[in-house]
């Protein structure tokens, strides 16, 4: 990755797309979460010029987000299966009559 300052947000986006990276902006909850949860060798923080001054962007690999999404789907499958079974069971019952 480059250690230079990005000239604007478009340059950040283009760089991330070209190198298979994701990015989050300083001042967001995602920035703090990523910075705290990733090892220092898994991300880089770079300055970016904006209309309001200089801010930072955190760049990390798209593979990290892909792995997180797969782990989430794996955890949710049993819960989704249970929900589907309950939903199908309730459809097979006759509707309740009003008194």
Protein backbone atom coordinates (compact mmCIF):
# COMPACT_ATOMS: atom_id res chain seq x y z
CA UNK A 1 0.00 0.00 0.00
CA UNK A 2 1.03 3.57 -0.45
CA UNK A 3 2.14 5.61 2.53
CA UNK A 4 1.29 8.92 0.84
CA UNK A 5 -1.70 11.11 1.56
CA UNK A 6 -4.71 10.68 -0.73
CA UNK A 7 -5.76 13.84 -2.53
CA UNK A 8 -9.53 13.20 -2.08
CA UNK A 9 -12.14 10.53 -1.39
CA UNK A 10 -12.30 9.57 -5.08
CA UNK A 11 -8.62 8.63 -4.96
CA UNK A 12 -9.30 6.47 -1.88
CA UNK A 13 -12.19 4.71 -3.62
CA UNK A 14 -10.22 4.10 -6.82
CA UNK A 15 -7.21 2.80 -4.88
CA UNK A 16 -9.37 0.46 -2.79
CA UNK A 17 -11.15 -0.93 -5.85
CA UNK A 18 -7.87 -1.47 -7.72
CA UNK A 19 -6.26 -3.33 -4.80
CA UNK A 20 -9.22 -5.35 -3.43
CA UNK A 21 -9.58 -3.33 -0.24
CA UNK A 22 -12.42 -2.05 1.92
CA UNK A 23 -12.26 1.28 3.74
CA UNK A 24 -13.92 3.06 6.66
CA UNK A 25 -13.64 6.71 7.65
CA UNK A 26 -12.32 8.14 10.89
CA UNK A 27 -15.09 9.40 13.14
CA UNK A 28 -17.37 6.45 12.47
CA UNK A 29 -18.13 3.55 14.75
CA UNK A 30 -16.89 1.14 12.08
CA UNK A 31 -13.48 2.84 12.11
CA UNK A 32 -13.09 2.36 15.85
CA UNK A 33 -14.42 -1.20 15.72
CA UNK A 34 -12.08 -2.24 12.90
CA UNK A 35 -9.08 -0.56 14.49
CA UNK A 36 -9.73 -2.35 17.79
CA UNK A 37 -10.55 -5.78 16.33
CA UNK A 38 -7.88 -6.12 13.63
CA UNK A 39 -4.19 -6.77 14.16
CA UNK A 40 -1.96 -3.83 13.19
CA UNK A 41 -0.57 -5.79 10.23
CA UNK A 42 -4.09 -6.28 8.81
CA UNK A 43 -4.89 -2.61 8.18
CA UNK A 44 -3.35 0.74 7.35
CA UNK A 45 -4.50 4.23 8.27
CA UNK A 46 -3.87 7.00 5.73
CA UNK A 47 -4.62 10.73 5.69
CA UNK A 48 -7.09 12.04 3.11
CA UNK A 49 -7.71 15.64 2.06
CA UNK A 50 -11.36 16.66 2.23
CA UNK A 51 -13.25 19.96 1.92
CA UNK A 52 -13.22 20.29 5.69
CA UNK A 53 -9.55 19.47 6.14
CA UNK A 54 -7.60 16.27 6.59
CA UNK A 55 -9.19 13.09 7.95
CA UNK A 56 -8.03 9.48 8.09
CA UNK A 57 -9.22 6.39 6.31
CA UNK A 58 -8.61 2.82 7.44
CA UNK A 59 -7.93 0.36 4.61
CA UNK A 60 -8.25 -3.41 5.07
CA UNK A 61 -8.62 -6.48 2.88
CA UNK A 62 -11.99 -7.46 1.41
CA UNK A 63 -11.15 -11.03 2.40
CA UNK A 64 -11.61 -10.06 6.06
CA UNK A 65 -15.18 -8.90 5.46
CA UNK A 66 -15.90 -11.97 3.31
CA UNK A 67 -14.69 -14.30 6.08
CA UNK A 68 -16.82 -12.44 8.64
CA UNK A 69 -19.90 -12.75 6.42
CA UNK A 70 -19.35 -16.48 5.94
CA UNK A 71 -18.96 -17.01 9.68
CA UNK A 72 -22.17 -15.03 10.30
CA UNK A 73 -24.12 -17.09 7.74
CA UNK A 74 -22.81 -20.31 9.30
CA UNK A 75 -23.98 -19.20 12.76
CA UNK A 76 -27.40 -18.13 11.50
CA UNK A 77 -28.30 -21.25 9.55
CA UNK A 78 -29.62 -23.28 12.53
CA UNK A 79 -31.66 -20.29 13.74
CA UNK A 80 -33.05 -19.68 10.27
CA UNK A 81 -33.92 -23.36 9.93
CA UNK A 82 -35.76 -23.31 13.27
CA UNK A 83 -37.66 -20.16 12.26
CA UNK A 84 -38.66 -21.73 8.93
CA UNK A 85 -39.91 -24.90 10.63
CA UNK A 86 -42.00 -22.87 13.10
CA UNK A 87 -43.41 -20.78 10.26
CA UNK A 88 -44.35 -23.85 8.21
CA UNK A 89 -45.94 -25.53 11.26
CA UNK A 90 -48.10 -22.49 11.92
CA UNK A 91 -49.30 -22.47 8.29
CA UNK A 92 -50.47 -26.07 8.50
CA UNK A 93 -52.72 -25.35 11.50
CA UNK A 94 -56.27 -24.20 10.84
CA UNK A 95 -56.93 -20.56 11.71
CA UNK A 96 -58.30 -19.83 15.18
CA UNK A 97 -61.99 -19.01 15.38
CA UNK A 98 -63.17 -15.84 16.99
CA UNK A 99 -65.56 -16.27 19.88
